[in-house]
Amino acid sequence: MATYAFKALDLGGAPSKGEIEASDKQAVASQLRSRGLIVVDIEERSTGGGDVLARFKKFSTDEMVIATRQLATMVQSGMSLLRALYVIEEQTENDKLRDIWVEVRKDVEAGVSLSDALGRHPDAFNELYVAMVQAGETGGILDQTLVRVATQLEKDAALRRQIKAAMVYPSVIGGFAFIVLFALVTFLVPVFEKIFKDFGGELPPITKFTVWLSHIFTRRWYVMFAVIFGVVWLFRHWKATERGRMQWDTIKLKFPMKIGDIVQKVCLARFSRTFSGLIAAGVPMLEAIDITGKTSGNKVIEKAMVDVRESVKKGGSLTQPMTRVPEAFPIMVTQMIGVGEETGALETMMSKVADFYEEQVDAAVKALTSILEPVMIIVVGAIVGFIVISMYLPMFKVYDSIK
């Protein structure tokens, strides 16, 4: 079997293009004619060499959101799933994502269910995505489920954009502070160091520290990079372990300056939105609990959801295990979930919780940004002031001795 790229026209004269695996060009032409297309050109795709950079290519969440929304709209309008996948394949500009949709379309064309075809690409379609699609297929409401999936992805992407936007200002100021520090200790301090040698005498402790820092930057820079690399490697290695991940996620919930508060709100917004979406899609409760925990983004919540699953499995409630983890689930959340359980409106309650915490994240991020602005300015000023004082302090001592 070889891969052929084709160009064709449909009965309305609209251009169409894509790729098909077949034994020869005649087989490709036959497939296209069976789909009601007029063949314009068929060319065998070269398989030699390949794209050596293909494994490093990425696609953004926004691209996945757009593709999912388009698929949902086409299926909802009555277009067949296979034809909709062909359109998605043609309209996707990112090469890696298009290749994934091509594989999905080929699997569906071969008789595989859409959820199973998506499940073969876990790097693109997570458990939440696959489970919701599978529930939609089982319940015969795939069009409605795809709309929910697209909405879920859009909400999650909006939340991520919100957090990234909030980090722009601190990152810029932090980078500027490092540049200022590097410039001062690399170019200014050595000039003063030569003057201090001419003066002679003992240097103040803060001046010694600044001179030592200058030597690290100018003469022992490889040591600095080795230390930074070692610290980063150790941190990543620790965080990759089960125990380290749990400890790190616990620490994040307790960060000062309201950072831990924002982390908690983000996790709760994602948790509530995911749980609501899975329940609305008809995913079985135990499976929904399991997937919600794994996709919450916090190990503390994930562990709590394991206990919740065991409680529900034994006929217990959702809220009882949650009340034992107040740092992850505030009283308001457990109370609303409890009311949703009792009234049979759990999906609605979880959706309201998600809306509430998404608004809270927006307000908290704005408050944090307003706090960080003066703090970062003070930090930059403190760095510059420390170095300037450490350089001028010996000169003041010399002046006092002359007097």
Protein backbone atom coordinates (compact mmCIF):
# COMPACT_ATOMS: atom_id res chain seq x y z
CA MET A 1 0.00 0.00 0.00
CA ALA A 2 1.24 3.48 -0.91
CA THR A 3 0.03 6.94 0.04
CA TYR A 4 -1.34 9.15 -2.75
CA ALA A 5 -2.10 12.88 -2.63
CA PHE A 6 -5.12 13.85 -4.70
CA LYS A 7 -6.86 16.96 -5.99
CA ALA A 8 -10.49 16.74 -7.04
CA LEU A 9 -13.74 18.67 -7.51
CA ASP A 10 -17.10 17.85 -6.00
CA LEU A 11 -20.36 18.01 -7.95
CA GLY A 12 -20.74 21.66 -7.01
CA GLY A 13 -17.31 22.54 -8.41
CA ALA A 14 -15.68 23.08 -4.99
CA PRO A 15 -12.03 21.94 -4.82
CA SER A 16 -11.06 19.08 -2.56
CA LYS A 17 -7.70 17.58 -1.67
CA GLY A 18 -6.24 15.04 0.70
CA GLU A 19 -4.39 11.73 0.96
CA ILE A 20 -5.50 8.13 0.45
CA GLU A 21 -3.73 4.83 0.98
CA ALA A 22 -4.25 2.47 -1.94
CA SER A 23 -2.47 -0.12 -4.05
CA ASP A 24 -2.24 2.09 -7.16
CA LYS A 25 -3.59 5.28 -8.78
CA GLN A 26 -6.53 3.42 -10.34
CA ALA A 27 -7.70 2.35 -6.91
CA VAL A 28 -7.45 5.96 -5.72
CA ALA A 29 -9.47 7.19 -8.68
CA SER A 30 -12.10 4.52 -8.01
CA GLN A 31 -12.42 5.59 -4.36
CA LEU A 32 -12.76 9.25 -5.33
CA ARG A 33 -15.44 8.51 -7.93
CA SER A 34 -17.38 6.46 -5.38
CA ARG A 35 -17.41 9.57 -3.17
CA GLY A 36 -18.87 11.64 -5.99
CA LEU A 37 -15.65 13.54 -6.76
CA ILE A 38 -14.16 14.42 -10.14
CA VAL A 39 -10.45 13.55 -10.23
CA VAL A 40 -8.09 16.39 -11.16
CA ASP A 41 -4.69 15.06 -10.12
CA ILE A 42 -3.24 12.04 -8.27
CA GLU A 43 0.37 11.93 -7.16
CA GLU A 44 2.20 9.29 -5.13
CA ARG A 45 3.60 10.68 -1.90
CA SER A 46 7.32 10.07 -1.41
CA THR A 47 8.14 7.88 1.61
CA GLY A 48 11.92 8.11 1.39
CA GLY A 49 13.65 9.90 4.22
CA GLY A 50 10.50 11.35 5.78
CA ASP A 51 10.35 14.38 7.95
CA VAL A 52 13.07 13.93 10.57
CA LEU A 53 11.59 16.81 12.57
CA ALA A 54 8.06 15.38 12.60
CA ARG A 55 8.36 14.04 16.14
CA PHE A 56 9.29 17.51 17.42
CA LYS A 57 6.37 19.31 15.78
CA LYS A 58 3.58 20.49 18.06
CA PHE A 59 0.10 21.89 17.79
CA SER A 60 -1.62 24.34 20.09
CA THR A 61 -4.72 23.83 22.17
CA ASP A 62 -6.42 26.55 20.12
CA GLU A 63 -5.89 24.53 16.93
CA MET A 64 -7.48 21.49 18.58
CA VAL A 65 -10.38 23.65 19.80
CA ILE A 66 -11.03 25.00 16.30
CA ALA A 67 -10.91 21.54 14.74
CA THR A 68 -13.26 20.08 17.36
CA ARG A 69 -15.72 22.97 17.03
CA GLN A 70 -15.73 22.55 13.23
CA LEU A 71 -16.30 18.80 13.56
CA ALA A 72 -19.12 19.35 16.05
CA THR A 73 -20.80 21.93 13.80
CA MET A 74 -20.62 19.72 10.69
CA VAL A 75 -21.94 16.61 12.44
CA GLN A 76 -24.70 18.66 14.08
CA SER A 77 -25.73 20.03 10.68
CA GLY A 78 -26.34 16.49 9.41
CA MET A 79 -23.10 15.89 7.51
CA SER A 80 -21.83 12.32 7.69
CA LEU A 81 -18.98 11.72 10.14
CA LEU A 82 -16.63 10.47 7.41
CA ARG A 83 -17.24 13.50 5.18
CA ALA A 84 -16.78 15.82 8.17
CA LEU A 85 -13.43 14.17 8.93
CA TYR A 86 -12.38 14.70 5.31
CA VAL A 87 -13.19 18.40 5.60
CA ILE A 88 -11.30 18.71 8.90
CA GLU A 89 -8.34 16.97 7.30
CA GLU A 90 -8.33 19.42 4.40
CA GLN A 91 -8.77 22.56 6.51
CA THR A 92 -6.18 21.77 9.22
CA GLU A 93 -3.01 23.76 8.54
CA ASN A 94 -0.74 22.24 11.18
CA ASP A 95 1.04 19.26 9.59
CA LYS A 96 1.21 17.13 12.74
CA LEU A 97 -2.43 17.69 13.65
CA ARG A 98 -3.51 17.06 10.04
CA ASP A 99 -1.61 13.74 10.05
CA ILE A 100 -3.46 12.75 13.22
CA TRP A 101 -6.83 13.58 11.66
CA VAL A 102 -5.80 11.59 8.56
CA GLU A 103 -5.11 8.55 10.75
CA VAL A 104 -8.43 9.02 12.56
CA ARG A 105 -10.28 9.28 9.27
CA LYS A 106 -8.59 6.14 7.90
CA ASP A 107 -9.52 4.18 11.02
CA VAL A 108 -13.15 5.33 10.85
CA GLU A 109 -13.18 4.51 7.14
CA ALA A 110 -11.98 1.01 8.04
CA GLY A 111 -14.91 0.53 10.42
CA VAL A 112 -13.34 1.58 13.73
CA SER A 113 -15.50 3.69 16.04
CA LEU A 114 -14.58 7.37 16.38
CA SER A 115 -13.75 7.05 20.09
CA ASP A 116 -11.41 4.09 19.45
CA ALA A 117 -9.77 5.96 16.57
CA LEU A 118 -9.22 9.01 18.79
CA GLY A 119 -7.93 6.82 21.63
CA ARG A 120 -5.03 5.69 19.42
CA HIS A 121 -3.59 9.23 19.65
CA PRO A 122 -3.33 10.00 23.40
CA ASP A 123 -0.92 12.88 22.73
CA ALA A 124 -3.77 14.73 20.98
CA PHE A 125 -6.95 13.36 22.58
CA ASN A 126 -6.87 12.89 26.36
CA GLU A 127 -9.06 10.52 28.39
CA LEU A 128 -11.71 13.19 28.88
CA TYR A 129 -12.05 13.77 25.13
CA VAL A 130 -12.23 10.04 24.29
CA ALA A 131 -14.64 9.19 27.13
CA MET A 132 -17.10 11.93 26.17
CA VAL A 133 -17.06 10.91 22.51
CA GLN A 134 -17.52 7.26 23.48
CA ALA A 135 -20.51 8.16 25.67
CA GLY A 136 -21.98 10.19 22.80
CA GLU A 137 -21.62 7.27 20.41
CA THR A 138 -23.19 4.86 22.89
CA GLY A 139 -26.13 7.18 23.61
CA GLY A 140 -26.66 8.14 19.95
CA ILE A 141 -26.02 11.83 20.69
CA LEU A 142 -22.58 12.23 19.13
CA ASP A 143 -23.43 15.64 17.66
CA GLN A 144 -24.44 17.06 21.07
CA THR A 145 -21.44 15.45 22.76
CA LEU A 146 -18.99 16.92 20.26
CA VAL A 147 -20.44 20.36 21.00
CA ARG A 148 -19.86 19.74 24.72
CA VAL A 149 -16.30 18.56 24.03
CA ALA A 150 -15.60 21.70 21.99
CA THR A 151 -17.05 23.90 24.74
CA GLN A 152 -14.98 22.03 27.34
CA LEU A 153 -11.78 22.59 25.35
CA GLU A 154 -12.61 26.26 24.80
CA LYS A 155 -13.18 26.85 28.53
CA ASP A 156 -9.94 25.07 29.40
CA ALA A 157 -8.00 26.99 26.74
CA ALA A 158 -9.45 30.30 27.98
CA LEU A 159 -8.36 29.44 31.54
CA ARG A 160 -4.83 28.63 30.35
CA ARG A 161 -4.62 31.87 28.36
CA GLN A 162 -5.75 33.81 31.42
CA ILE A 163 -2.96 32.33 33.57
CA LYS A 164 -0.31 32.82 30.86
CA ALA A 165 -1.35 36.45 30.37
CA ALA A 166 -1.02 37.05 34.10
CA MET A 167 2.54 35.67 34.03
CA VAL A 168 3.74 37.99 31.26
CA TYR A 169 4.39 41.03 33.47
CA PRO A 170 6.30 39.20 36.25
CA SER A 171 8.34 37.34 33.61
CA VAL A 172 9.29 40.57 31.83
CA ILE A 173 10.25 42.33 35.08
CA GLY A 174 12.12 39.25 36.31
CA GLY A 175 14.07 39.05 33.05
CA PHE A 176 14.85 42.77 33.23
CA ALA A 177 16.08 42.38 36.83
CA PHE A 178 18.43 39.57 35.80
CA ILE A 179 19.80 41.63 32.88
CA VAL A 180 20.42 44.58 35.21
CA LEU A 181 22.15 42.34 37.76
CA PHE A 182 24.27 40.69 35.05
CA ALA A 183 25.30 44.05 33.56
CA LEU A 184 26.24 45.55 36.93
CA VAL A 185 28.30 42.63 38.25
CA THR A 186 29.94 41.97 34.87
CA PHE A 187 30.88 45.49 33.79
CA LEU A 188 30.55 47.88 36.75
CA VAL A 189 31.91 45.85 39.68
CA PRO A 190 35.27 44.93 38.04
CA VAL A 191 35.99 48.66 37.51
CA PHE A 192 35.42 49.38 41.19
CA GLU A 193 37.39 46.28 42.18
CA LYS A 194 40.54 47.74 40.56
CA ILE A 195 40.02 51.00 42.48
CA PHE A 196 39.63 49.07 45.76
CA LYS A 197 42.96 47.29 45.17
CA ASP A 198 44.68 50.67 44.87
CA PHE A 199 43.08 51.80 48.12
CA GLY A 200 44.11 48.67 50.01
CA GLY A 201 42.60 47.72 53.35
CA GLU A 202 39.74 45.40 54.34
CA LEU A 203 36.53 45.54 52.29
CA PRO A 204 33.11 45.54 53.94
CA PRO A 205 31.27 42.15 53.92
CA ILE A 206 28.61 43.24 51.41
CA THR A 207 31.34 44.50 49.04
CA LYS A 208 33.18 41.19 49.35
CA PHE A 209 29.96 39.37 48.49
CA THR A 210 29.35 41.57 45.42
CA VAL A 211 32.95 41.09 44.22
CA TRP A 212 32.59 37.33 44.74
CA LEU A 213 29.36 37.39 42.72
CA SER A 214 31.16 39.29 39.96
CA HIS A 215 33.89 36.62 39.88
CA ILE A 216 31.24 33.93 39.55
CA PHE A 217 29.68 35.71 36.56
CA THR A 218 32.97 36.58 34.84
CA ARG A 219 35.41 33.81 35.80
CA ARG A 220 33.36 30.89 37.09
CA TRP A 221 30.32 31.20 34.84
CA TYR A 222 30.44 27.46 34.09
CA VAL A 223 30.01 26.74 37.83
CA MET A 224 26.90 28.94 37.91
CA PHE A 225 25.39 27.16 34.90
CA ALA A 226 26.30 23.76 36.39
CA VAL A 227 24.59 24.65 39.66
CA ILE A 228 21.48 25.94 37.87
CA PHE A 229 21.36 22.83 35.66
CA GLY A 230 21.83 20.58 38.71
CA VAL A 231 19.08 22.28 40.69
CA VAL A 232 16.66 22.13 37.74
CA TRP A 233 17.49 18.46 37.09
CA LEU A 234 17.04 17.51 40.74
CA PHE A 235 13.75 19.43 40.92
CA ARG A 236 12.39 17.76 37.77
CA HIS A 237 13.56 14.34 38.95
CA TRP A 238 11.92 14.86 42.36
CA LYS A 239 8.71 16.16 40.79
CA ALA A 240 8.56 13.17 38.44
CA THR A 241 8.24 10.75 41.37
CA GLU A 242 4.85 9.95 42.87
CA ARG A 243 5.85 11.28 46.28
CA GLY A 244 7.50 14.39 44.82
CA ARG A 245 4.46 15.22 42.70
CA MET A 246 2.18 14.94 45.72
CA GLN A 247 4.48 17.12 47.83
CA TRP A 248 4.86 19.74 45.08
CA ASP A 249 1.12 19.95 44.43
CA THR A 250 0.52 20.30 48.18
CA ILE A 251 3.12 23.09 48.36
CA LYS A 252 1.51 24.90 45.41
CA LEU A 253 -1.80 25.06 47.27
CA LYS A 254 -0.02 26.84 50.16
CA PHE A 255 2.04 29.40 48.21
CA PRO A 256 1.98 32.90 49.77
CA MET A 257 0.77 36.16 48.15
CA LYS A 258 -2.50 34.49 47.10
CA ILE A 259 -0.66 32.31 44.56
CA GLY A 260 -1.82 29.15 46.35
CA ASP A 261 -5.35 30.54 46.35
CA ILE A 262 -5.23 30.99 42.58
CA VAL A 263 -3.81 27.48 42.08
CA GLN A 264 -6.71 26.07 44.11
CA LYS A 265 -9.29 28.06 42.14
CA VAL A 266 -7.83 26.99 38.79
CA CYS A 267 -7.87 23.32 39.83
CA LEU A 268 -11.44 23.58 41.13
CA ALA A 269 -12.64 25.32 37.95
CA ARG A 270 -11.08 22.59 35.79
CA PHE A 271 -12.33 19.83 38.11
CA SER A 272 -15.90 21.14 38.16
CA ARG A 273 -16.06 21.81 34.41
CA THR A 274 -14.67 18.36 33.60
CA PHE A 275 -17.01 16.55 36.00
CA SER A 276 -20.02 18.47 34.70
CA GLY A 277 -19.12 17.75 31.08
CA LEU A 278 -18.64 14.03 31.67
CA ILE A 279 -21.94 13.69 33.53
CA ALA A 280 -23.77 15.67 30.82
CA ALA A 281 -22.26 13.42 28.14
CA GLY A 282 -23.61 10.34 29.89
CA VAL A 283 -20.29 8.91 31.06
CA PRO A 284 -20.81 6.37 33.91
CA MET A 285 -20.28 7.94 37.34
CA LEU A 286 -17.29 5.82 38.41
CA GLU A 287 -15.51 6.42 35.11
CA ALA A 288 -16.32 10.15 35.30
CA ILE A 289 -14.83 10.36 38.80
CA ASP A 290 -11.70 8.52 37.67
CA ILE A 291 -11.15 10.73 34.60
CA THR A 292 -11.89 13.94 36.53
CA GLY A 293 -9.20 13.09 39.07
CA LYS A 294 -6.59 12.31 36.43
CA THR A 295 -7.27 15.49 34.44
CA SER A 296 -7.59 17.87 37.43
CA GLY A 297 -3.93 18.90 37.22
CA ASN A 298 -3.30 18.42 40.95
CA LYS A 299 -2.22 15.25 42.71
CA VAL A 300 -4.05 16.21 45.93
CA ILE A 301 -7.37 16.35 44.08
CA GLU A 302 -6.51 13.19 42.15
CA LYS A 303 -5.89 11.27 45.40
CA ALA A 304 -9.10 12.66 46.87
CA MET A 305 -11.05 11.47 43.80
CA VAL A 306 -9.68 7.94 44.33
CA ASP A 307 -11.28 8.01 47.78
CA VAL A 308 -14.46 9.46 46.28
CA ARG A 309 -14.58 6.62 43.75
CA GLU A 310 -14.27 4.03 46.50
CA SER A 311 -17.00 5.77 48.49
CA VAL A 312 -19.43 5.83 45.54
CA LYS A 313 -18.53 2.25 44.64
CA LYS A 314 -19.60 1.18 48.14
CA GLY A 315 -22.84 3.18 47.91
CA GLY A 316 -21.57 6.23 49.80
CA SER A 317 -21.71 9.90 48.87
CA LEU A 318 -19.39 12.05 46.80
CA THR A 319 -18.90 14.69 49.46
CA GLN A 320 -17.83 12.63 52.47
CA PRO A 321 -14.25 11.94 51.24
CA MET A 322 -13.97 15.52 49.93
CA THR A 323 -14.61 17.04 53.36
CA ARG A 324 -11.41 15.36 54.57
CA VAL A 325 -9.34 17.44 52.13
CA PRO A 326 -10.32 21.06 52.96
CA GLU A 327 -7.16 22.48 51.31
CA ALA A 328 -8.47 21.21 47.97
CA PHE A 329 -12.26 21.33 48.42
CA PRO A 330 -13.68 24.35 50.32
CA ILE A 331 -16.91 23.96 52.27
CA MET A 332 -18.91 25.77 49.57
CA VAL A 333 -17.88 23.21 46.94
CA THR A 334 -18.75 20.18 49.05
CA GLN A 335 -22.09 21.73 50.05
CA MET A 336 -23.06 22.47 46.44
CA ILE A 337 -22.05 18.98 45.34
CA GLY A 338 -24.08 17.56 48.23
CA VAL A 339 -27.14 19.56 47.18
CA GLY A 340 -26.64 18.40 43.58
CA GLU A 341 -26.53 14.76 44.73
CA GLU A 342 -29.69 15.09 46.79
CA THR A 343 -31.70 16.92 44.12
CA GLY A 344 -30.40 14.97 41.11
CA ALA A 345 -28.99 18.16 39.59
CA LEU A 346 -25.30 17.33 40.03
CA GLU A 347 -24.44 18.39 36.47
CA THR A 348 -26.05 21.81 36.96
CA MET A 349 -24.39 22.35 40.35
CA MET A 350 -20.94 21.40 39.02
CA SER A 351 -21.42 23.75 36.08
CA LYS A 352 -22.31 26.59 38.48
CA VAL A 353 -19.24 25.82 40.60
CA ALA A 354 -17.08 25.93 37.45
CA ASP A 355 -18.57 29.29 36.39
CA PHE A 356 -18.06 30.70 39.88
CA TYR A 357 -14.41 29.67 40.13
CA GLU A 358 -13.59 30.80 36.60
CA GLU A 359 -14.82 34.27 37.59
CA GLN A 360 -12.88 34.00 40.85
CA VAL A 361 -9.70 33.12 38.94
CA ASP A 362 -10.13 36.23 36.79
CA ALA A 363 -10.55 38.46 39.85
CA ALA A 364 -7.72 36.77 41.76
CA VAL A 365 -5.31 37.05 38.83
CA LYS A 366 -6.03 40.77 38.49
CA ALA A 367 -5.51 41.25 42.24
CA LEU A 368 -2.22 39.31 42.12
CA THR A 369 -1.01 41.36 39.16
CA SER A 370 -1.72 44.61 41.03
CA ILE A 371 0.24 43.27 44.01
CA LEU A 372 3.15 42.00 41.93
CA GLU A 373 3.71 45.30 40.10
CA PRO A 374 5.04 47.26 43.11
CA VAL A 375 6.75 44.16 44.53
CA MET A 376 8.73 43.56 41.33
CA ILE A 377 9.68 47.26 41.14
CA ILE A 378 10.92 47.09 44.74
CA VAL A 379 12.93 43.94 43.95
CA VAL A 380 14.65 45.57 40.96
CA GLY A 381 15.35 48.70 43.01
CA ALA A 382 16.73 46.58 45.87
CA ILE A 383 19.11 44.73 43.53
CA VAL A 384 20.45 47.95 42.02
CA GLY A 385 20.60 49.68 45.42
CA PHE A 386 22.48 46.79 47.05
CA ILE A 387 25.16 46.75 44.37
CA VAL A 388 25.55 50.54 44.32
CA ILE A 389 25.83 50.72 48.13
CA SER A 390 28.29 47.81 48.23
CA MET A 391 30.49 49.61 45.68
CA TYR A 392 30.40 53.03 47.32
CA LEU A 393 30.74 51.89 50.94
CA PRO A 394 34.55 51.33 50.73
CA MET A 395 34.93 54.78 49.18
CA PHE A 396 33.07 56.30 52.12
CA LYS A 397 35.43 54.50 54.52
CA VAL A 398 38.45 55.86 52.64
CA TYR A 399 36.94 59.36 52.79
CA ASP A 400 36.39 59.01 56.56
CA SER A 401 40.00 57.86 57.08
CA ILE A 402 41.34 60.83 55.09
CA LYS A 403 39.31 63.21 57.29
